[in-house]
């Protein structure tokens, strides 16, 4: 079985809004052998949503819609689904009673507008919502399977989990087997040119290469209708061939972020870390401290954006800045060494560069970043000219530093 996911809400079309429901649903469906072929975000427009649901139901065996089940005028999922399937909406008195009781417990009267949430697709099963006022709906006429879920995750997840076990899982007749390999220090095009001859020999497992600035993920997805062992053996062999080809860049085969691996390994080794960041403005420290338990290993950092702070707090020599400039391997080395001494950490990492869009010259172009790692065993200096706008340069720099730290922990501290 294959599925299509539709997220509803004009706010999800904003560049800084992320739909997390699809990630949860895709993972849970995958565990049951069901793949999401397509996911879409549709704003609060009845015609657009109706058209999307109608065409999704023609293309897929299961369509899941999240959001737009609230009581306000811009909550149009019920009406849009009815339009798409040419069904009537039937008023359900039991839903109103449940909502009224929920408000009564809170000590307030139910607003009349909440009665809109009591309209149900003719023939649909009502899915109770103990965490909110918007019940879900499940419609299955043997041809179309449509699941309507509330948008807030705390409401959506328990409803989805229950209907997944009771109604959806029994429909699946496939087994899924996944492998994930994460690489650093190699570009997407470089990785693909080296491993395409391996994965293109197979339609099953399916290989997907995901790229973010500075990191590459290779996902292998095998599907088996009867016996999972056969596809498991083949998928494992493809993974082993890929690892043999570009294993020197391999970070992990776990489905975890590299910063989590760093914190975990540093905790195991009893090491500490500090940072001195100029052009990334504390971004590296932010990524590391987003990991629970980072306080055990991350001591802190300095953001010496100005030359005065570089010399005043980190004791970078004025002679170094005059002779080589703040964006130089010499300044980066002193920054890393001195932040390690200042904080007493085992590892000091520094970043200094030109994120852009201005500030570049013919000798030091935009995107030029010097990174340095100072440890008791060795001094490691790196520089790169990263492509992209200001934000991308900063992200690439942070990911490159994470990879540099991880390589040290993996190879030098074994």
Protein backbone atom coordinates (compact mmCIF):
# COMPACT_ATOMS: atom_id res chain seq x y z
CA UNK A 1 0.00 0.00 0.00
CA UNK A 2 1.10 3.54 -0.76
CA UNK A 3 -0.09 6.79 0.78
CA UNK A 4 -0.30 10.52 0.11
CA UNK A 5 -0.05 13.04 2.93
CA UNK A 6 -1.64 16.51 2.78
CA UNK A 7 -0.86 19.18 5.39
CA UNK A 8 -3.46 21.96 5.59
CA UNK A 9 -2.78 25.51 6.75
CA UNK A 10 -1.67 28.73 5.12
CA UNK A 11 0.86 29.22 7.93
CA UNK A 12 2.71 26.10 6.74
CA UNK A 13 3.48 27.87 3.47
CA UNK A 14 5.71 30.35 5.28
CA UNK A 15 9.42 29.67 4.81
CA UNK A 16 10.11 29.27 8.52
CA UNK A 17 7.27 26.83 9.27
CA UNK A 18 7.93 23.10 9.21
CA UNK A 19 5.32 20.38 8.93
CA UNK A 20 6.36 17.80 11.53
CA UNK A 21 3.24 15.63 11.32
CA UNK A 22 4.27 14.15 7.98
CA UNK A 23 7.63 13.07 9.41
CA UNK A 24 5.96 11.19 12.26
CA UNK A 25 3.33 9.61 10.03
CA UNK A 26 5.86 8.59 7.36
CA UNK A 27 8.00 6.85 9.97
CA UNK A 28 5.09 5.00 11.56
CA UNK A 29 3.67 3.95 8.18
CA UNK A 30 7.11 2.79 7.05
CA UNK A 31 7.33 0.48 10.04
CA UNK A 32 4.17 -1.17 8.76
CA UNK A 33 5.41 -1.51 5.17
CA UNK A 34 3.45 1.47 3.82
CA UNK A 35 5.26 4.15 1.85
CA UNK A 36 4.33 7.81 1.46
CA UNK A 37 4.74 8.54 -2.23
CA UNK A 38 3.92 12.22 -2.02
CA UNK A 39 3.30 14.92 0.53
CA UNK A 40 1.85 18.35 -0.07
CA UNK A 41 1.06 21.55 1.80
CA UNK A 42 -2.18 23.35 0.89
CA UNK A 43 -3.27 26.73 2.20
CA UNK A 44 -6.69 27.53 3.62
CA UNK A 45 -8.48 27.59 0.27
CA UNK A 46 -11.49 25.33 -0.20
CA UNK A 47 -11.20 24.95 -3.97
CA UNK A 48 -7.49 24.17 -3.87
CA UNK A 49 -7.85 21.66 -1.05
CA UNK A 50 -10.84 19.98 -2.64
CA UNK A 51 -8.94 19.58 -5.91
CA UNK A 52 -5.90 18.20 -4.09
CA UNK A 53 -7.87 15.63 -2.08
CA UNK A 54 -9.85 14.56 -5.16
CA UNK A 55 -6.75 13.90 -7.24
CA UNK A 56 -4.85 12.31 -4.36
CA UNK A 57 -7.68 9.82 -3.87
CA UNK A 58 -7.43 8.90 -7.56
CA UNK A 59 -3.70 8.21 -7.30
CA UNK A 60 -3.27 6.53 -3.94
CA UNK A 61 -4.78 3.79 -1.79
CA UNK A 62 -4.62 5.93 1.35
CA UNK A 63 -4.88 9.71 1.69
CA UNK A 64 -4.10 11.37 5.03
CA UNK A 65 -5.05 15.00 5.65
CA UNK A 66 -3.78 16.85 8.72
CA UNK A 67 -5.16 20.18 9.89
CA UNK A 68 -8.15 22.39 9.12
CA UNK A 69 -10.60 20.64 11.46
CA UNK A 70 -10.97 23.51 13.91
CA UNK A 71 -14.11 25.61 14.48
CA UNK A 72 -13.18 28.80 12.60
CA UNK A 73 -14.11 29.92 9.10
CA UNK A 74 -10.66 29.12 7.68
CA UNK A 75 -10.91 25.48 8.85
CA UNK A 76 -12.18 24.06 5.57
CA UNK A 77 -10.96 20.44 5.53
CA UNK A 78 -14.38 18.89 6.22
CA UNK A 79 -16.09 20.86 3.46
CA UNK A 80 -13.23 20.32 1.02
CA UNK A 81 -13.22 16.56 1.59
CA UNK A 82 -17.00 16.43 1.08
CA UNK A 83 -16.64 18.37 -2.18
CA UNK A 84 -13.82 16.09 -3.36
CA UNK A 85 -15.72 12.84 -2.72
CA UNK A 86 -19.19 14.26 -3.54
CA UNK A 87 -20.46 13.37 -0.10
CA UNK A 88 -22.85 15.06 2.30
CA UNK A 89 -21.77 16.37 5.68
CA UNK A 90 -23.93 14.91 8.44
CA UNK A 91 -24.38 16.68 11.78
CA UNK A 92 -23.41 14.49 14.75
CA UNK A 93 -25.07 15.36 18.07
CA UNK A 94 -22.71 13.13 20.05
CA UNK A 95 -19.73 15.23 18.96
CA UNK A 96 -21.43 18.39 20.20
CA UNK A 97 -22.14 16.72 23.54
CA UNK A 98 -18.48 15.71 23.88
CA UNK A 99 -17.26 19.22 23.07
CA UNK A 100 -19.76 20.80 25.48
CA UNK A 101 -18.53 18.49 28.24
CA UNK A 102 -14.94 19.43 27.52
CA UNK A 103 -15.77 23.12 27.90
CA UNK A 104 -17.89 22.43 31.01
CA UNK A 105 -14.92 20.81 32.70
CA UNK A 106 -12.96 23.98 31.98
CA UNK A 107 -15.74 26.03 33.61
CA UNK A 108 -16.84 27.87 30.45
CA UNK A 109 -19.70 27.63 27.95
CA UNK A 110 -19.01 26.18 24.52
CA UNK A 111 -18.95 28.86 21.80
CA UNK A 112 -21.60 28.17 19.16
CA UNK A 113 -18.94 28.20 16.47
CA UNK A 114 -17.61 24.87 17.78
CA UNK A 115 -20.72 23.16 16.41
CA UNK A 116 -19.01 23.31 13.01
CA UNK A 117 -16.75 20.52 14.25
CA UNK A 118 -19.73 18.18 14.53
CA UNK A 119 -20.16 17.80 10.76
CA UNK A 120 -18.94 14.42 9.53
CA UNK A 121 -18.52 12.92 6.06
CA UNK A 122 -21.52 10.69 5.35
CA UNK A 123 -20.34 7.15 6.12
CA UNK A 124 -17.16 8.15 7.94
CA UNK A 125 -16.09 6.81 11.31
CA UNK A 126 -15.65 9.46 14.00
CA UNK A 127 -12.26 9.31 15.76
CA UNK A 128 -12.51 10.76 19.24
CA UNK A 129 -10.03 13.39 20.35
CA UNK A 130 -9.34 13.38 24.09
CA UNK A 131 -6.79 16.21 23.81
CA UNK A 132 -8.84 18.74 21.85
CA UNK A 133 -12.18 19.64 20.32
CA UNK A 134 -11.52 18.46 16.73
CA UNK A 135 -12.39 14.77 16.19
CA UNK A 136 -10.74 12.89 13.36
CA UNK A 137 -12.61 11.05 10.61
CA UNK A 138 -11.89 7.85 8.70
CA UNK A 139 -13.74 7.13 5.46
CA UNK A 140 -13.39 3.79 3.65
CA UNK A 141 -15.84 2.71 0.97
CA UNK A 142 -13.60 0.00 -0.46
CA UNK A 143 -12.32 2.30 -3.19
CA UNK A 144 -11.17 5.37 -1.27
CA UNK A 145 -9.53 5.48 2.14
CA UNK A 146 -9.39 9.01 3.52
CA UNK A 147 -8.14 9.86 7.01
CA UNK A 148 -8.76 13.37 8.41
CA UNK A 149 -6.65 14.30 11.43
CA UNK A 150 -6.35 17.44 13.59
CA UNK A 151 -3.19 19.51 13.08
CA UNK A 152 -1.73 19.90 16.61
CA UNK A 153 0.68 16.96 17.14
CA UNK A 154 -0.54 16.29 20.69
CA UNK A 155 -4.01 15.70 19.23
CA UNK A 156 -2.98 14.08 15.97
CA UNK A 157 -0.55 11.43 17.28
CA UNK A 158 -2.85 9.44 19.60
CA UNK A 159 -5.66 9.44 17.03
CA UNK A 160 -3.33 8.34 14.25
CA UNK A 161 -1.63 5.64 16.33
CA UNK A 162 -4.99 4.08 17.21
CA UNK A 163 -6.39 4.07 13.66
CA UNK A 164 -3.06 2.83 12.31
CA UNK A 165 -3.21 -0.30 14.45
CA UNK A 166 -6.94 -0.94 14.07
CA UNK A 167 -7.65 -0.09 10.43
CA UNK A 168 -4.55 0.65 8.37
CA UNK A 169 -1.90 -1.88 9.43
CA UNK A 170 -4.03 -4.92 8.51
CA UNK A 171 -4.23 -3.62 4.94
CA UNK A 172 -0.45 -3.72 4.41
CA UNK A 173 1.09 -6.76 2.77
CA UNK A 174 4.69 -5.52 2.46
CA UNK A 175 7.74 -5.66 4.69
CA UNK A 176 10.13 -2.70 4.78
CA UNK A 177 13.86 -2.83 5.47
CA UNK A 178 15.94 0.37 5.70
CA UNK A 179 19.61 1.22 5.84
CA UNK A 180 21.02 4.74 6.30
CA UNK A 181 24.64 5.77 5.76
CA UNK A 182 25.77 9.32 6.58
CA UNK A 183 28.89 10.86 5.08
CA UNK A 184 30.85 14.08 5.59
CA UNK A 185 33.61 15.83 3.68
CA UNK A 186 32.25 14.81 0.29
CA UNK A 187 29.81 16.54 -2.06
CA UNK A 188 26.60 15.04 -3.40
CA UNK A 189 27.95 14.90 -6.95
CA UNK A 190 31.20 13.27 -5.81
CA UNK A 191 29.34 10.66 -3.79
CA UNK A 192 26.90 9.90 -6.59
CA UNK A 193 29.62 9.54 -9.21
CA UNK A 194 31.40 7.01 -7.00
CA UNK A 195 28.42 4.87 -5.98
CA UNK A 196 25.90 5.21 -8.83
CA UNK A 197 27.35 2.14 -10.54
CA UNK A 198 26.41 0.16 -7.44
CA UNK A 199 22.86 1.24 -6.67
CA UNK A 200 21.65 1.67 -10.27
CA UNK A 201 21.81 -2.08 -10.73
CA UNK A 202 18.77 -2.46 -8.48
CA UNK A 203 15.18 -1.24 -8.53
CA UNK A 204 14.71 -2.86 -5.13
CA UNK A 205 16.16 -1.62 -2.83
CA UNK A 206 15.48 2.00 -3.79
CA UNK A 207 18.43 4.33 -3.20
CA UNK A 208 17.96 7.99 -2.30
CA UNK A 209 20.76 10.51 -1.77
CA UNK A 210 19.90 13.42 0.51
CA UNK A 211 22.22 16.40 0.66
CA UNK A 212 22.49 19.25 3.13
CA UNK A 213 25.38 21.71 3.27
CA UNK A 214 28.41 19.63 4.23
CA UNK A 215 26.59 16.35 4.88
CA UNK A 216 25.35 13.52 2.65
CA UNK A 217 22.88 10.77 3.53
CA UNK A 218 22.38 7.61 1.49
CA UNK A 219 19.05 5.91 2.22
CA UNK A 220 18.39 2.35 1.07
CA UNK A 221 14.79 1.12 1.16
CA UNK A 222 14.03 -2.52 0.47
CA UNK A 223 10.48 -3.89 0.15
CA UNK A 224 9.44 -7.54 0.31
CA UNK A 225 5.96 -9.00 -0.06
CA UNK A 226 6.56 -12.37 1.60
CA UNK A 227 9.92 -12.84 3.25
CA UNK A 228 11.89 -9.88 4.57
CA UNK A 229 15.12 -11.90 4.83
CA UNK A 230 15.66 -11.95 1.08
CA UNK A 231 15.45 -8.18 0.68
CA UNK A 232 17.39 -7.67 3.91
CA UNK A 233 20.31 -9.67 2.55
CA UNK A 234 20.33 -7.74 -0.74
CA UNK A 235 19.97 -4.33 0.93
CA UNK A 236 22.79 -5.13 3.34
CA UNK A 237 25.00 -6.11 0.42
CA UNK A 238 24.33 -2.83 -1.41
CA UNK A 239 25.11 -0.93 1.81
CA UNK A 240 28.35 -2.86 2.23
CA UNK A 241 29.40 -2.13 -1.38
CA UNK A 242 28.71 1.59 -0.87
CA UNK A 243 30.61 1.62 2.41
CA UNK A 244 33.56 -0.09 0.77
CA UNK A 245 33.57 2.52 -2.00
CA UNK A 246 33.35 5.71 0.10
CA UNK A 247 33.90 4.41 3.61
CA UNK A 248 36.62 6.96 4.33
CA UNK A 249 33.90 9.64 4.47
CA UNK A 250 31.48 7.59 6.58
CA UNK A 251 30.27 9.28 9.76
CA UNK A 252 27.65 6.85 11.00
CA UNK A 253 25.06 4.28 10.02
CA UNK A 254 22.78 5.32 12.85
CA UNK A 255 19.80 7.54 12.20
CA UNK A 256 21.12 10.26 14.52
CA UNK A 257 22.61 13.68 13.96
CA UNK A 258 26.38 14.11 13.96
CA UNK A 259 26.23 16.51 16.92
CA UNK A 260 24.52 13.80 18.96
CA UNK A 261 27.35 11.40 18.10
CA UNK A 262 29.91 14.00 19.13
CA UNK A 263 28.31 14.65 22.51
CA UNK A 264 27.89 10.91 23.10
CA UNK A 265 31.51 10.11 22.22
CA UNK A 266 32.97 13.04 24.16
CA UNK A 267 30.96 11.99 27.21
CA UNK A 268 32.28 8.45 26.89
CA UNK A 269 35.87 9.69 26.59
CA UNK A 270 35.51 12.31 29.33
CA UNK A 271 36.55 15.16 27.02
CA UNK A 272 35.46 18.80 27.00
CA UNK A 273 35.05 21.35 24.20
CA UNK A 274 34.98 25.11 23.76
CA UNK A 275 34.55 27.29 20.67
CA UNK A 276 35.63 30.67 19.34
CA UNK A 277 33.31 31.73 16.52
CA UNK A 278 33.49 34.84 14.44
CA UNK A 279 31.53 34.63 11.18
CA UNK A 280 29.13 31.91 12.44
CA UNK A 281 28.13 34.04 15.43
CA UNK A 282 27.76 31.18 17.90
CA UNK A 283 26.05 28.79 15.49
CA UNK A 284 28.37 25.87 16.23
CA UNK A 285 27.85 26.23 19.97
CA UNK A 286 24.10 26.46 19.43
CA UNK A 287 23.99 23.22 17.44
CA UNK A 288 26.02 21.38 20.07
CA UNK A 289 24.01 22.69 23.02
CA UNK A 290 20.75 21.63 21.37
CA UNK A 291 21.76 18.06 22.27
CA UNK A 292 20.57 16.88 25.71
CA UNK A 293 23.55 16.16 27.94
CA UNK A 294 25.84 18.63 26.16
CA UNK A 295 26.46 20.46 29.43
CA UNK A 296 28.65 17.53 30.47
CA UNK A 297 31.18 18.26 27.71
CA UNK A 298 30.57 21.74 26.28
CA UNK A 299 32.21 24.37 28.48
CA UNK A 300 31.28 27.47 26.51
CA UNK A 301 32.51 29.80 23.83
CA UNK A 302 33.51 33.28 22.74
CA UNK A 303 32.05 35.20 19.80
CA UNK A 304 34.89 37.62 18.96
CA UNK A 305 33.19 39.31 16.00
CA UNK A 306 35.37 42.43 16.25
CA UNK A 307 39.15 42.52 16.16
CA UNK A 308 39.11 44.26 19.54
CA UNK A 309 37.53 41.18 21.14
CA UNK A 310 39.89 38.87 19.30
CA UNK A 311 42.84 40.62 20.86
CA UNK A 312 41.19 41.62 24.15
CA UNK A 313 39.53 38.36 25.18
CA UNK A 314 41.31 35.72 23.15
CA UNK A 315 44.77 37.32 23.15
CA UNK A 316 45.17 37.08 19.40
CA UNK A 317 48.32 39.03 18.65
CA UNK A 318 47.81 42.43 17.03
CA UNK A 319 50.82 41.63 14.87
CA UNK A 320 48.98 38.57 13.55
CA UNK A 321 45.95 40.65 12.55
CA UNK A 322 48.07 43.36 10.93
CA UNK A 323 50.24 40.95 8.98
CA UNK A 324 47.73 38.24 8.03
CA UNK A 325 44.28 39.67 8.80
CA UNK A 326 41.46 38.39 10.97
CA UNK A 327 40.45 35.95 8.24
CA UNK A 328 43.59 33.83 8.12
CA UNK A 329 44.92 30.49 9.26
CA UNK A 330 47.20 32.30 11.71
CA UNK A 331 44.31 34.09 13.45
CA UNK A 332 42.23 30.91 13.48
CA UNK A 333 45.06 28.96 15.10
CA UNK A 334 45.54 31.49 17.88
CA UNK A 335 41.79 31.70 18.46
CA UNK A 336 41.49 27.92 18.89
CA UNK A 337 44.56 27.58 21.08
CA UNK A 338 43.60 30.48 23.31
CA UNK A 339 39.93 29.58 23.79
CA UNK A 340 41.12 26.14 24.91
CA UNK A 341 43.49 27.76 27.42
CA UNK A 342 40.88 30.31 28.50
CA UNK A 343 38.23 27.68 29.29
CA UNK A 344 40.46 24.78 30.23
CA UNK A 345 38.85 22.50 27.65
CA UNK A 346 40.43 19.50 25.96
CA UNK A 347 39.40 20.69 22.50
CA UNK A 348 39.25 24.23 21.16
CA UNK A 349 37.59 24.97 17.81
CA UNK A 350 37.72 28.32 16.04
CA UNK A 351 36.00 29.83 13.01
CA UNK A 352 36.82 33.03 11.16
CA UNK A 353 35.70 33.93 7.66
CA UNK A 354 33.72 36.04 5.22
CA UNK A 355 30.08 34.94 5.11
CA UNK A 356 29.09 37.71 2.68
CA UNK A 357 27.46 39.12 0.77
CA UNK A 358 30.08 41.87 1.08
CA UNK A 359 33.58 42.01 2.50
CA UNK A 360 35.30 39.84 -0.08
CA UNK A 361 38.40 40.65 -2.12
CA UNK A 362 40.24 38.98 -4.98
CA UNK A 363 42.59 37.33 -2.48
CA UNK A 364 39.96 36.61 0.14
CA UNK A 365 36.64 36.04 -1.59
CA UNK A 366 33.20 35.73 -0.03
CA UNK A 367 32.78 32.23 1.37
CA UNK A 368 36.39 31.90 2.52
CA UNK A 369 36.45 30.39 6.02
CA UNK A 370 39.37 29.30 8.18
CA UNK A 371 38.68 26.65 10.82
CA UNK A 372 41.09 25.33 13.41
CA UNK A 373 40.98 22.63 16.06
CA UNK A 374 43.45 22.68 18.93
CA UNK A 375 43.94 19.52 21.03
CA UNK A 376 46.72 18.17 23.26
CA UNK A 377 47.78 15.76 20.49
CA UNK A 378 47.69 17.97 17.42
CA UNK A 379 46.77 21.24 15.74
CA UNK A 380 44.47 20.89 12.75
CA UNK A 381 43.84 23.80 10.41
CA UNK A 382 41.38 23.76 7.52
CA UNK A 383 40.10 26.35 5.08
CA UNK A 384 37.39 26.25 2.48
CA UNK A 385 35.68 28.60 0.06
CA UNK A 386 32.04 27.68 0.55
CA UNK A 387 29.49 28.53 -2.16
CA UNK A 388 26.09 29.99 -1.38
CA UNK A 389 24.55 32.96 0.37
CA UNK A 390 25.39 34.15 3.88
CA UNK A 391 23.18 31.61 5.65
CA UNK A 392 24.40 28.69 3.55
CA UNK A 393 28.05 29.60 4.12
CA UNK A 394 27.42 29.59 7.86
CA UNK A 395 25.62 26.24 7.76
CA UNK A 396 28.36 24.66 5.63
CA UNK A 397 30.99 25.96 8.03
CA UNK A 398 29.21 24.57 11.08
CA UNK A 399 28.74 21.16 9.46
CA UNK A 400 32.35 21.09 8.33
CA UNK A 401 33.50 21.79 11.90
CA UNK A 402 31.23 19.07 13.26
CA UNK A 403 32.80 16.65 10.80
CA UNK A 404 36.29 17.80 11.81
CA UNK A 405 35.53 17.20 15.49
CA UNK A 406 33.97 13.81 14.79
CA UNK A 407 36.95 12.65 12.72
CA UNK A 408 39.26 13.55 15.59
CA UNK A 409 37.17 11.57 18.06
CA UNK A 410 36.86 8.64 15.68
CA UNK A 411 40.47 8.34 14.52
CA UNK A 412 42.71 10.04 17.07
CA UNK A 413 40.94 9.11 20.32
CA UNK A 414 40.10 5.46 19.65
